[in-house]
């Protein structure tokens, strides 16, 4: 390689270094920001997980302490004071409605509050509707109870078999015994129905004067 070629290469290399340094001076903060963002994001995620664990533990401890109390009014007061966040509100509402014999009005209020709370998961709200229909009983018009259960009985809803069971009982209440038996028979062969529900449906069919389902269908 001749001296002129060597000189040109050296100049070219120097220009490249100058350009690189200029780029680093101008944009060097970008990779630093990216690294800081990754590190900060990881730290925040871990902090958020720790916060979630702490909230869950505090809620669980408060619930256990409340359930250890003897008097129903003391349990309810302690549960109401429990720290809740997010879906814990739904769990608390269901707990507050778990003893309707002691305080039926408060149970109904807790369930209605959960049903109306659109920030809570639909599955919890569906369960609250089922409980509300059962706890309210004849205090709610039969047509209202049927309208409340109808969406939950739609295919794909998690509590569909339970809603269909309650709707069959509404048919009994309405004096439509034959239709109730047909609805209960369908539940005994519904693959989504738990074994306990299929067993209850079979017993109810017999109680209503229908034919007991075959063992294979009921199990």
Protein backbone atom coordinates (compact mmCIF):
# COMPACT_ATOMS: atom_id res chain seq x y z
CA UNK A 1 0.00 0.00 0.00
CA UNK A 2 1.39 3.40 -0.99
CA UNK A 3 1.78 6.29 1.41
CA UNK A 4 -1.06 8.27 -0.18
CA UNK A 5 -3.38 5.25 0.31
CA UNK A 6 -2.30 4.91 3.93
CA UNK A 7 -2.88 8.60 4.52
CA UNK A 8 -6.35 8.43 2.98
CA UNK A 9 -7.27 5.43 5.15
CA UNK A 10 -6.07 7.21 8.28
CA UNK A 11 -8.09 10.29 7.41
CA UNK A 12 -11.16 8.16 6.67
CA UNK A 13 -10.79 6.34 9.99
CA UNK A 14 -10.43 9.64 11.81
CA UNK A 15 -13.58 10.98 10.17
CA UNK A 16 -15.46 7.85 11.22
CA UNK A 17 -14.32 8.25 14.82
CA UNK A 18 -15.32 11.91 14.80
CA UNK A 19 -18.75 11.00 13.48
CA UNK A 20 -19.12 8.24 16.08
CA UNK A 21 -18.17 10.58 18.92
CA UNK A 22 -20.57 13.20 17.57
CA UNK A 23 -23.38 10.64 17.50
CA UNK A 24 -22.57 9.50 21.00
CA UNK A 25 -22.58 13.07 22.26
CA UNK A 26 -25.93 13.68 20.57
CA UNK A 27 -27.73 10.37 21.21
CA UNK A 28 -25.69 8.67 23.91
CA UNK A 29 -28.43 9.36 26.48
CA UNK A 30 -30.86 7.09 24.59
CA UNK A 31 -29.32 3.71 25.56
CA UNK A 32 -28.82 5.02 29.09
CA UNK A 33 -32.53 5.93 29.23
CA UNK A 34 -33.47 2.50 27.89
CA UNK A 35 -31.37 0.75 30.55
CA UNK A 36 -32.85 2.95 33.26
CA UNK A 37 -36.34 2.23 31.93
CA UNK A 38 -35.76 -1.54 31.99
CA UNK A 39 -34.27 -1.46 35.47
CA UNK A 40 -36.97 0.90 36.72
CA UNK A 41 -39.73 -1.18 35.15
CA UNK A 42 -38.42 -4.36 36.76
CA UNK A 43 -38.13 -2.64 40.14
CA UNK A 44 -41.68 -1.27 39.84
CA UNK A 45 -43.05 -4.70 38.88
CA UNK A 46 -41.43 -6.31 41.90
CA UNK A 47 -42.68 -3.50 44.14
CA UNK A 48 -46.21 -3.86 42.76
CA UNK A 49 -46.13 -7.63 43.35
CA UNK A 50 -44.97 -7.08 46.91
CA UNK A 51 -47.78 -4.56 47.44
CA UNK A 52 -50.35 -7.01 46.05
CA UNK A 53 -49.06 -9.75 48.35
CA UNK A 54 -49.19 -7.44 51.33
CA UNK A 55 -52.76 -6.33 50.54
CA UNK A 56 -53.89 -9.93 50.01
CA UNK A 57 -52.32 -11.00 53.30
CA UNK A 58 -53.85 -8.08 55.19
CA UNK A 59 -57.28 -8.87 53.75
CA UNK A 60 -56.96 -12.58 54.51
CA UNK A 61 -55.85 -11.91 58.08
CA UNK A 62 -58.73 -9.47 58.64
CA UNK A 63 -61.27 -11.97 57.29
CA UNK A 64 -59.93 -14.81 59.45
CA UNK A 65 -59.95 -12.59 62.53
CA UNK A 66 -63.53 -11.51 61.78
CA UNK A 67 -64.77 -15.07 61.28
CA UNK A 68 -63.31 -16.03 64.67
CA UNK A 69 -65.64 -13.58 66.41
CA UNK A 70 -68.66 -15.11 68.12
CA UNK A 71 -71.50 -12.65 67.64
CA UNK A 72 -72.85 -12.18 64.08
CA UNK A 73 -72.96 -8.39 64.47
CA UNK A 74 -69.32 -8.38 65.58
CA UNK A 75 -68.31 -10.49 62.59
CA UNK A 76 -70.16 -8.19 60.22
CA UNK A 77 -68.60 -5.07 61.75
CA UNK A 78 -65.12 -6.58 61.51
CA UNK A 79 -65.66 -7.69 57.91
CA UNK A 80 -66.94 -4.26 56.93
CA UNK A 81 -63.76 -2.72 58.37
CA UNK A 82 -61.45 -5.12 56.48
CA UNK A 83 -59.05 -3.43 54.00
CA UNK A 84 -60.18 -4.24 50.48
CA UNK A 85 -58.90 -3.49 47.00
CA UNK A 86 -60.07 -4.54 43.54
CA UNK A 87 -61.72 -8.00 43.39
CA UNK A 88 -61.41 -8.26 47.18
CA UNK A 89 -64.49 -6.02 47.29
CA UNK A 90 -66.48 -8.75 45.56
CA UNK A 91 -65.22 -11.42 47.96
CA UNK A 92 -66.09 -9.19 50.92
CA UNK A 93 -69.60 -8.57 49.60
CA UNK A 94 -70.20 -12.32 49.23
CA UNK A 95 -68.89 -12.89 52.76
CA UNK A 96 -71.20 -10.21 54.12
CA UNK A 97 -74.10 -12.00 52.42
CA UNK A 98 -73.14 -15.46 53.64
CA UNK A 99 -75.42 -15.44 56.70
CA UNK A 100 -78.84 -14.14 55.57
CA UNK A 101 -80.60 -15.79 58.48
CA UNK A 102 -78.91 -13.44 60.96
CA UNK A 103 -79.23 -10.26 58.90
CA UNK A 104 -81.20 -10.75 55.73
CA UNK A 105 -81.53 -7.05 54.86
CA UNK A 106 -77.77 -6.46 55.12
CA UNK A 107 -77.09 -9.58 53.04
CA UNK A 108 -79.42 -8.38 50.30
CA UNK A 109 -77.85 -4.92 50.34
CA UNK A 110 -74.35 -6.40 50.02
CA UNK A 111 -75.42 -8.56 47.08
CA UNK A 112 -77.20 -5.71 45.32
CA UNK A 113 -74.09 -3.56 45.73
CA UNK A 114 -71.92 -6.22 44.11
CA UNK A 115 -74.38 -6.81 41.25
CA UNK A 116 -74.33 -3.08 40.46
CA UNK A 117 -70.53 -2.71 40.71
CA UNK A 118 -69.34 -2.91 37.10
CA UNK A 119 -65.70 -2.67 38.20
CA UNK A 120 -65.86 -6.21 39.59
CA UNK A 121 -65.35 -9.42 37.57
CA UNK A 122 -68.49 -10.66 35.86
CA UNK A 123 -68.19 -14.09 37.47
CA UNK A 124 -68.48 -12.57 40.97
CA UNK A 125 -71.44 -10.47 39.88
CA UNK A 126 -73.15 -13.54 38.38
CA UNK A 127 -72.68 -15.38 41.65
CA UNK A 128 -74.14 -12.40 43.51
CA UNK A 129 -77.22 -12.50 41.27
CA UNK A 130 -77.72 -16.19 42.05
CA UNK A 131 -77.42 -15.54 45.77
CA UNK A 132 -79.73 -12.53 45.53
CA UNK A 133 -82.43 -14.57 43.80
CA UNK A 134 -82.18 -17.31 46.42
CA UNK A 135 -82.03 -15.01 49.46
CA UNK A 136 -84.80 -12.69 48.23
CA UNK A 137 -87.16 -15.54 47.38
CA UNK A 138 -90.79 -14.59 46.96
CA UNK A 139 -90.05 -11.00 48.01
CA UNK A 140 -89.00 -10.51 44.37
CA UNK A 141 -91.67 -11.13 41.72
CA UNK A 142 -91.15 -14.40 39.90
CA UNK A 143 -90.80 -12.59 36.58
CA UNK A 144 -88.02 -10.39 38.02
CA UNK A 145 -86.12 -13.39 39.31
CA UNK A 146 -86.43 -15.14 35.96
CA UNK A 147 -85.18 -12.02 34.15
CA UNK A 148 -82.19 -11.81 36.52
CA UNK A 149 -81.26 -15.45 35.96
CA UNK A 150 -81.75 -15.52 32.20
CA UNK A 151 -78.41 -13.87 31.23
CA UNK A 152 -76.49 -16.11 33.62
CA UNK A 153 -78.06 -19.19 32.02
CA UNK A 154 -76.58 -18.27 28.63
CA UNK A 155 -74.00 -20.67 27.12
CA UNK A 156 -70.48 -19.89 28.22
CA UNK A 157 -71.37 -18.25 31.52
CA UNK A 158 -69.57 -19.94 34.45
CA UNK A 159 -72.65 -20.46 36.62
CA UNK A 160 -74.98 -21.48 33.80
CA UNK A 161 -76.02 -24.87 35.32
CA UNK A 162 -76.82 -23.27 38.68
CA UNK A 163 -78.90 -20.61 36.97
CA UNK A 164 -80.78 -23.27 34.99
CA UNK A 165 -81.44 -25.16 38.22
CA UNK A 166 -82.92 -22.07 39.85
CA UNK A 167 -85.02 -21.39 36.76
CA UNK A 168 -86.39 -24.93 37.01
CA UNK A 169 -87.39 -24.22 40.62
CA UNK A 170 -89.15 -21.06 39.42
CA UNK A 171 -91.19 -23.24 37.08
CA UNK A 172 -92.21 -25.35 40.07
CA UNK A 173 -93.18 -22.21 41.98
CA UNK A 174 -95.21 -21.12 38.95
CA UNK A 175 -97.05 -24.44 38.95
CA UNK A 176 -95.51 -25.60 35.67
CA UNK A 177 -94.47 -29.01 36.97
CA UNK A 178 -94.12 -30.78 33.62
CA UNK A 179 -91.87 -28.01 32.26
CA UNK A 180 -89.82 -28.10 35.45
CA UNK A 181 -89.28 -31.86 35.10
CA UNK A 182 -88.10 -31.41 31.50
CA UNK A 183 -85.69 -28.66 32.56
CA UNK A 184 -84.31 -30.79 35.40
CA UNK A 185 -83.96 -33.82 33.13
CA UNK A 186 -81.83 -31.71 30.80
CA UNK A 187 -79.57 -30.84 33.73
CA UNK A 188 -79.02 -34.52 34.58
CA UNK A 189 -77.36 -35.01 31.18
CA UNK A 190 -75.65 -31.62 30.93
CA UNK A 191 -71.89 -32.22 30.88
CA UNK A 192 -71.28 -28.79 32.41
CA UNK A 193 -73.39 -29.68 35.45
CA UNK A 194 -71.39 -30.81 38.51
CA UNK A 195 -72.20 -34.25 39.89
CA UNK A 196 -73.88 -32.76 42.95
CA UNK A 197 -76.20 -30.66 40.82
CA UNK A 198 -77.12 -33.63 38.62
CA UNK A 199 -77.90 -35.62 41.75
CA UNK A 200 -80.12 -32.84 43.14
CA UNK A 201 -81.92 -32.54 39.81
CA UNK A 202 -82.61 -36.28 39.79
CA UNK A 203 -83.97 -36.21 43.33
CA UNK A 204 -86.18 -33.23 42.49
CA UNK A 205 -87.57 -35.01 39.42
CA UNK A 206 -88.65 -37.94 41.60
CA UNK A 207 -90.12 -35.57 44.22
CA UNK A 208 -92.19 -33.94 41.46
CA UNK A 209 -93.54 -37.29 40.33
CA UNK A 210 -91.26 -37.76 37.34
CA UNK A 211 -89.25 -40.79 36.35
CA UNK A 212 -85.87 -41.16 38.01
CA UNK A 213 -83.04 -40.65 35.52
CA UNK A 214 -80.93 -43.65 34.59
CA UNK A 215 -77.83 -44.10 36.72
CA UNK A 216 -75.57 -43.34 33.78
CA UNK A 217 -77.37 -40.09 33.04
CA UNK A 218 -77.43 -38.86 36.64
CA UNK A 219 -73.75 -39.71 37.26
